Every structure is written in structure tokens, then in C-alpha cells.
Amino acid sequence: MHQCNNCCTHLTEETISATDNVLMSFVFGIQQGRFPFTISIRACTEDLLVFDDPLCVSVCHLNVIPTKVYIPDLRYLFKDPLRGRELVAAMLAEVDAVCLKQHWADEKFRNTYLA
């Protein structure tokens, strides 16, 4: 690839850079990179973990990850489409419940950000 898909900058003129992999830092117990690796847990079940995205770009930017399944990338979900669909549906249901209970149900939040 010779240019960025987003901004069309010629990559041959750019220096190589990297970003911190925050999720893997949690796995390996790394506490800090360019910023502290802390998370605000919104919900935790036996199967799922919902937390605020530490690199959020909006007032309600959540991540949900399964705790019993490793998903290396999207293709994993298509290996067993029915199971993949069930997993995505469960993740969506959990993050929706968190949004409804902890954000949309909060009158001050609604008046501040949605009014």
C-alpha cells in the first residue's frame, strides 16, 4: 500500500509508527504506555465484559468482549455462522442494556448530550 486509505497521504514519506494495544496490555498486566491503561467497567458477566473505550471519541463509546471465546478477527465468526450470530447478538444485547440503564435512563445525561 502506497497511500493511506483514509487521508490519501503517501505512506512512503511517513515514518513507521505504532499504537498501544490496550486490550493485550490488560491481558499481560501492563499498566501504562503513553497513557495509563485503566478501564471503567460498565458490566461484567460470566460471558461478557463491557467497558468504556479508553480511546473514546464520543460520550458513550463502549467496548464489549467475550470472556470465554478468543476472536482473533471477524473471520472467526463465520467459521460457525450460527454460533457467531449468537455471540454477536449476546454482545449487542449486553451493550444495549448498559446504554439504556447507565446512559439513556440518566436524565442529566440526556439533557446534557441529547437535548
N, C-alpha and C. Protein backbone atom coordinates (compact mmCIF):
# COMPACT_ATOMS: atom_id res chain seq x y z
N MET A 1 0.85 -1.16 0.00
CA MET A 1 0.00 0.00 0.00
C MET A 1 0.90 1.24 0.00
N HIS A 2 0.64 2.11 -0.92
CA HIS A 2 1.49 3.29 -1.05
C HIS A 2 0.86 4.56 -0.48
N GLN A 3 -0.46 4.53 -0.24
CA GLN A 3 -1.10 5.70 0.35
C GLN A 3 -2.18 5.27 1.33
N CYS A 4 -2.47 6.15 2.27
CA CYS A 4 -3.46 5.90 3.31
C CYS A 4 -4.86 5.80 2.70
N ASN A 5 -5.62 4.80 3.14
CA ASN A 5 -6.99 4.65 2.65
C ASN A 5 -7.90 5.78 3.11
N ASN A 6 -7.55 6.42 4.20
CA ASN A 6 -8.41 7.46 4.78
C ASN A 6 -8.07 8.85 4.28
N CYS A 7 -6.81 9.25 4.40
CA CYS A 7 -6.44 10.64 4.10
C CYS A 7 -5.61 10.79 2.83
N CYS A 8 -5.27 9.69 2.18
CA CYS A 8 -4.50 9.67 0.92
C CYS A 8 -3.07 10.17 1.06
N THR A 9 -2.55 10.28 2.29
CA THR A 9 -1.16 10.65 2.49
C THR A 9 -0.27 9.55 1.91
N HIS A 10 0.78 9.96 1.22
CA HIS A 10 1.71 8.98 0.67
C HIS A 10 2.50 8.35 1.82
N LEU A 11 2.35 7.05 1.98
CA LEU A 11 2.97 6.36 3.10
C LEU A 11 4.48 6.23 2.95
N THR A 12 4.97 6.32 1.75
CA THR A 12 6.42 6.22 1.55
C THR A 12 7.15 7.41 2.17
N GLU A 13 6.41 8.48 2.43
CA GLU A 13 7.00 9.69 3.01
C GLU A 13 6.83 9.75 4.53
N GLU A 14 6.12 8.78 5.10
CA GLU A 14 5.84 8.78 6.52
C GLU A 14 6.77 7.83 7.26
N THR A 15 7.04 8.15 8.54
CA THR A 15 7.82 7.25 9.37
C THR A 15 6.90 6.17 9.94
N ILE A 16 7.47 5.03 10.24
CA ILE A 16 6.69 3.94 10.81
C ILE A 16 6.30 4.32 12.23
N SER A 17 5.03 4.10 12.57
CA SER A 17 4.54 4.40 13.91
C SER A 17 3.74 3.21 14.43
N ALA A 18 3.38 3.28 15.67
CA ALA A 18 2.60 2.21 16.28
C ALA A 18 1.68 2.79 17.33
N THR A 19 0.63 2.06 17.63
CA THR A 19 -0.26 2.45 18.72
C THR A 19 -0.21 1.36 19.78
N ASP A 20 -0.52 1.74 20.99
CA ASP A 20 -0.54 0.78 22.08
C ASP A 20 -1.74 -0.14 21.93
N ASN A 21 -1.54 -1.43 22.11
CA ASN A 21 -2.63 -2.39 22.08
C ASN A 21 -3.12 -2.53 23.52
N VAL A 22 -4.13 -1.73 23.84
CA VAL A 22 -4.60 -1.64 25.22
C VAL A 22 -5.16 -2.97 25.72
N LEU A 23 -5.94 -3.66 24.87
CA LEU A 23 -6.52 -4.93 25.32
C LEU A 23 -5.45 -5.97 25.65
N MET A 24 -4.42 -6.07 24.82
CA MET A 24 -3.36 -7.03 25.11
C MET A 24 -2.55 -6.58 26.33
N SER A 25 -2.49 -5.28 26.56
CA SER A 25 -1.81 -4.79 27.77
C SER A 25 -2.56 -5.27 29.01
N PHE A 26 -3.89 -5.29 28.95
CA PHE A 26 -4.67 -5.83 30.07
C PHE A 26 -4.34 -7.29 30.29
N VAL A 27 -4.28 -8.05 29.19
CA VAL A 27 -4.00 -9.48 29.28
C VAL A 27 -2.65 -9.74 29.94
N PHE A 28 -1.64 -8.96 29.57
CA PHE A 28 -0.29 -9.19 30.07
C PHE A 28 0.05 -8.37 31.31
N GLY A 29 -0.91 -7.62 31.85
CA GLY A 29 -0.69 -6.89 33.08
C GLY A 29 0.16 -5.64 32.93
N ILE A 30 0.22 -5.09 31.73
CA ILE A 30 0.97 -3.84 31.51
C ILE A 30 0.09 -2.68 31.95
N GLN A 31 0.59 -1.86 32.86
CA GLN A 31 -0.25 -0.83 33.46
C GLN A 31 -0.27 0.49 32.71
N GLN A 32 0.78 0.77 31.93
CA GLN A 32 0.84 2.07 31.29
C GLN A 32 1.68 2.03 30.03
N GLY A 33 1.25 2.79 29.05
CA GLY A 33 2.01 3.03 27.83
C GLY A 33 2.16 4.54 27.72
N ARG A 34 1.64 5.09 26.64
CA ARG A 34 1.66 6.55 26.52
C ARG A 34 0.63 7.21 27.42
N PHE A 35 -0.26 6.40 27.98
CA PHE A 35 -1.27 6.86 28.94
C PHE A 35 -1.56 5.68 29.86
N PRO A 36 -2.15 5.92 31.04
CA PRO A 36 -2.46 4.81 31.95
C PRO A 36 -3.49 3.86 31.34
N PHE A 37 -3.24 2.57 31.45
CA PHE A 37 -4.16 1.58 30.92
C PHE A 37 -5.16 1.16 32.01
N THR A 38 -6.13 2.01 32.22
CA THR A 38 -7.20 1.70 33.17
C THR A 38 -8.51 1.66 32.39
N ILE A 39 -9.47 0.91 32.90
CA ILE A 39 -10.76 0.85 32.24
C ILE A 39 -11.86 1.08 33.26
N SER A 40 -12.96 1.61 32.77
CA SER A 40 -14.17 1.78 33.58
C SER A 40 -15.11 0.65 33.18
N ILE A 41 -15.22 -0.34 34.04
CA ILE A 41 -16.08 -1.48 33.73
C ILE A 41 -17.53 -1.07 33.93
N ARG A 42 -18.34 -1.27 32.90
CA ARG A 42 -19.76 -0.94 32.94
C ARG A 42 -20.61 -2.16 33.29
N ALA A 43 -20.17 -3.34 32.86
CA ALA A 43 -20.89 -4.58 33.17
C ALA A 43 -19.92 -5.74 33.00
N CYS A 44 -20.12 -6.74 33.83
CA CYS A 44 -19.28 -7.94 33.75
C CYS A 44 -20.15 -9.14 34.09
N THR A 45 -20.27 -10.04 33.13
CA THR A 45 -20.99 -11.28 33.36
C THR A 45 -20.00 -12.43 33.20
N GLU A 46 -20.49 -13.63 33.37
CA GLU A 46 -19.62 -14.78 33.19
C GLU A 46 -19.11 -14.88 31.75
N ASP A 47 -19.89 -14.33 30.81
CA ASP A 47 -19.56 -14.48 29.39
C ASP A 47 -19.04 -13.21 28.71
N LEU A 48 -19.35 -12.02 29.27
CA LEU A 48 -19.04 -10.78 28.57
C LEU A 48 -18.51 -9.71 29.52
N LEU A 49 -17.70 -8.82 28.96
CA LEU A 49 -17.18 -7.66 29.69
C LEU A 49 -17.48 -6.42 28.86
N VAL A 50 -18.17 -5.44 29.47
CA VAL A 50 -18.48 -4.17 28.80
C VAL A 50 -17.74 -3.07 29.54
N PHE A 51 -17.01 -2.25 28.80
CA PHE A 51 -16.24 -1.18 29.44
C PHE A 51 -16.15 0.03 28.52
N ASP A 52 -15.87 1.19 29.12
CA ASP A 52 -15.67 2.41 28.35
C ASP A 52 -14.41 2.26 27.51
N ASP A 53 -14.48 2.71 26.27
CA ASP A 53 -13.30 2.69 25.41
C ASP A 53 -12.32 3.74 25.90
N PRO A 54 -11.10 3.35 26.27
CA PRO A 54 -10.14 4.34 26.77
C PRO A 54 -9.72 5.36 25.70
N LEU A 55 -9.98 5.06 24.44
CA LEU A 55 -9.66 5.99 23.35
C LEU A 55 -10.94 6.55 22.75
N CYS A 56 -11.93 6.78 23.60
CA CYS A 56 -13.26 7.17 23.12
C CYS A 56 -13.25 8.49 22.35
N VAL A 57 -14.19 8.58 21.44
CA VAL A 57 -14.36 9.80 20.66
C VAL A 57 -15.79 10.32 20.77
N SER A 58 -16.57 9.78 21.69
CA SER A 58 -17.93 10.24 21.94
C SER A 58 -18.25 10.03 23.41
N VAL A 59 -19.39 10.55 23.85
CA VAL A 59 -19.74 10.47 25.27
C VAL A 59 -20.18 9.07 25.69
N CYS A 60 -20.57 8.25 24.74
CA CYS A 60 -20.97 6.88 25.03
C CYS A 60 -20.28 5.97 24.01
N HIS A 61 -19.05 5.59 24.32
CA HIS A 61 -18.24 4.78 23.41
C HIS A 61 -17.79 3.56 24.19
N LEU A 62 -18.49 2.47 23.99
CA LEU A 62 -18.25 1.26 24.79
C LEU A 62 -17.64 0.15 23.95
N ASN A 63 -16.93 -0.72 24.63
CA ASN A 63 -16.41 -1.95 24.05
C ASN A 63 -17.07 -3.11 24.78
N VAL A 64 -17.31 -4.18 24.07
CA VAL A 64 -17.80 -5.41 24.69
C VAL A 64 -16.97 -6.55 24.13
N ILE A 65 -16.43 -7.37 25.04
CA ILE A 65 -15.63 -8.51 24.60
C ILE A 65 -16.10 -9.76 25.32
N PRO A 66 -16.05 -10.89 24.64
CA PRO A 66 -16.40 -12.15 25.29
C PRO A 66 -15.26 -12.58 26.22
N THR A 67 -15.62 -13.23 27.30
CA THR A 67 -14.61 -13.69 28.25
C THR A 67 -14.25 -15.16 28.07
N LYS A 68 -15.06 -15.90 27.32
CA LYS A 68 -14.81 -17.33 27.16
C LYS A 68 -14.36 -17.71 25.75
N VAL A 69 -14.33 -16.72 24.85
CA VAL A 69 -14.01 -17.00 23.46
C VAL A 69 -12.98 -15.99 22.98
N TYR A 70 -11.95 -16.47 22.29
CA TYR A 70 -10.98 -15.58 21.68
C TYR A 70 -11.37 -15.39 20.22
N ILE A 71 -11.57 -14.15 19.82
CA ILE A 71 -11.94 -13.84 18.44
C ILE A 71 -10.77 -13.08 17.82
N PRO A 72 -9.91 -13.75 17.07
CA PRO A 72 -8.75 -13.07 16.50
C PRO A 72 -9.13 -12.00 15.49
N ASP A 73 -10.19 -12.26 14.70
CA ASP A 73 -10.70 -11.27 13.76
C ASP A 73 -12.10 -11.70 13.32
N LEU A 74 -12.72 -10.89 12.48
CA LEU A 74 -14.09 -11.12 12.06
C LEU A 74 -14.31 -12.48 11.42
N ARG A 75 -13.32 -13.00 10.73
CA ARG A 75 -13.47 -14.29 10.03
C ARG A 75 -13.82 -15.42 10.99
N TYR A 76 -13.39 -15.31 12.24
CA TYR A 76 -13.68 -16.34 13.24
C TYR A 76 -15.18 -16.56 13.38
N LEU A 77 -15.95 -15.47 13.31
CA LEU A 77 -17.40 -15.56 13.48
C LEU A 77 -18.07 -16.33 12.35
N PHE A 78 -17.43 -16.40 11.19
CA PHE A 78 -18.00 -17.10 10.04
C PHE A 78 -17.63 -18.57 9.97
N LYS A 79 -16.73 -19.02 10.85
CA LYS A 79 -16.38 -20.44 10.87
C LYS A 79 -17.58 -21.27 11.29
N ASP A 80 -18.38 -20.74 12.21
CA ASP A 80 -19.62 -21.37 12.65
C ASP A 80 -20.65 -20.23 12.70
N PRO A 81 -21.31 -19.96 11.56
CA PRO A 81 -22.17 -18.78 11.47
C PRO A 81 -23.28 -18.70 12.52
N LEU A 82 -23.88 -19.81 12.86
CA LEU A 82 -24.95 -19.76 13.88
C LEU A 82 -24.39 -19.37 15.24
N ARG A 83 -23.27 -19.97 15.61
CA ARG A 83 -22.64 -19.61 16.88
C ARG A 83 -22.12 -18.17 16.85
N GLY A 84 -21.55 -17.76 15.72
CA GLY A 84 -21.08 -16.39 15.56
C GLY A 84 -22.21 -15.40 15.73
N ARG A 85 -23.35 -15.71 15.10
CA ARG A 85 -24.51 -14.82 15.22
C ARG A 85 -25.01 -14.75 16.66
N GLU A 86 -25.05 -15.88 17.33
CA GLU A 86 -25.48 -15.90 18.73
C GLU A 86 -24.55 -15.05 19.60
N LEU A 87 -23.26 -15.16 19.36
CA LEU A 87 -22.28 -14.40 20.14
C LEU A 87 -22.44 -12.90 19.89
N VAL A 88 -22.57 -12.51 18.64
CA VAL A 88 -22.75 -11.08 18.32
C VAL A 88 -24.06 -10.57 18.92
N ALA A 89 -25.12 -11.37 18.86
CA ALA A 89 -26.41 -10.96 19.43
C ALA A 89 -26.30 -10.79 20.95
N ALA A 90 -25.59 -11.69 21.60
CA ALA A 90 -25.41 -11.58 23.06
C ALA A 90 -24.58 -10.34 23.41
N MET A 91 -23.55 -10.08 22.63
CA MET A 91 -22.72 -8.89 22.87
C MET A 91 -23.54 -7.62 22.67
N LEU A 92 -24.32 -7.58 21.62
CA LEU A 92 -25.16 -6.40 21.35
C LEU A 92 -26.21 -6.21 22.43
N ALA A 93 -26.83 -7.30 22.87
CA ALA A 93 -27.84 -7.20 23.92
C ALA A 93 -27.24 -6.65 25.22
N GLU A 94 -26.04 -7.10 25.56
CA GLU A 94 -25.40 -6.64 26.81
C GLU A 94 -25.01 -5.17 26.72
N VAL A 95 -24.42 -4.76 25.60
CA VAL A 95 -24.02 -3.37 25.47
C VAL A 95 -25.25 -2.46 25.35
N ASP A 96 -26.32 -2.93 24.71
CA ASP A 96 -27.57 -2.16 24.66
C ASP A 96 -28.14 -1.96 26.06
N ALA A 97 -28.14 -3.02 26.87
CA ALA A 97 -28.65 -2.92 28.23
C ALA A 97 -27.86 -1.90 29.04
N VAL A 98 -26.54 -1.90 28.89
CA VAL A 98 -25.70 -0.93 29.59
C VAL A 98 -26.04 0.48 29.15
N CYS A 99 -26.17 0.69 27.85
CA CYS A 99 -26.50 2.04 27.34
C CYS A 99 -27.84 2.51 27.88
N LEU A 100 -28.83 1.65 27.85
CA LEU A 100 -30.16 2.05 28.31
C LEU A 100 -30.18 2.34 29.81
N LYS A 101 -29.52 1.49 30.58
CA LYS A 101 -29.55 1.65 32.04
C LYS A 101 -28.64 2.77 32.54
N GLN A 102 -27.44 2.87 31.98
CA GLN A 102 -26.45 3.78 32.55
C GLN A 102 -26.33 5.11 31.81
N HIS A 103 -26.88 5.21 30.61
CA HIS A 103 -26.78 6.47 29.87
C HIS A 103 -28.16 7.05 29.58
N TRP A 104 -28.96 6.34 28.77
CA TRP A 104 -30.23 6.91 28.34
C TRP A 104 -31.20 7.09 29.51
N ALA A 105 -31.14 6.28 30.54
CA ALA A 105 -32.03 6.41 31.68
C ALA A 105 -31.65 7.57 32.60
N ASP A 106 -30.47 8.11 32.41
CA ASP A 106 -29.98 9.22 33.23
C ASP A 106 -30.46 10.55 32.65
N GLU A 107 -31.38 11.19 33.35
CA GLU A 107 -31.98 12.43 32.85
C GLU A 107 -30.94 13.52 32.61
N LYS A 108 -29.98 13.63 33.51
CA LYS A 108 -28.93 14.65 33.34
C LYS A 108 -28.11 14.38 32.08
N PHE A 109 -27.78 13.13 31.83
CA PHE A 109 -27.04 12.77 30.62
C PHE A 109 -27.85 13.16 29.39
N ARG A 110 -29.15 12.77 29.37
CA ARG A 110 -29.99 13.07 28.22
C ARG A 110 -30.09 14.58 27.99
N ASN A 111 -30.29 15.33 29.06
CA ASN A 111 -30.44 16.79 28.92
C ASN A 111 -29.13 17.46 28.48
N THR A 112 -28.02 16.89 28.89
CA THR A 112 -26.73 17.48 28.54
C THR A 112 -26.32 17.14 27.11
N TYR A 113 -26.48 15.89 26.72
CA TYR A 113 -25.93 15.44 25.44
C TYR A 113 -26.96 15.24 24.34
N LEU A 114 -28.21 15.08 24.68
CA LEU A 114 -29.21 14.77 23.65
C LEU A 114 -30.26 15.87 23.49
N ALA A 115 -30.19 16.91 24.29
CA ALA A 115 -31.21 17.98 24.21
C ALA A 115 -30.89 18.95 23.10
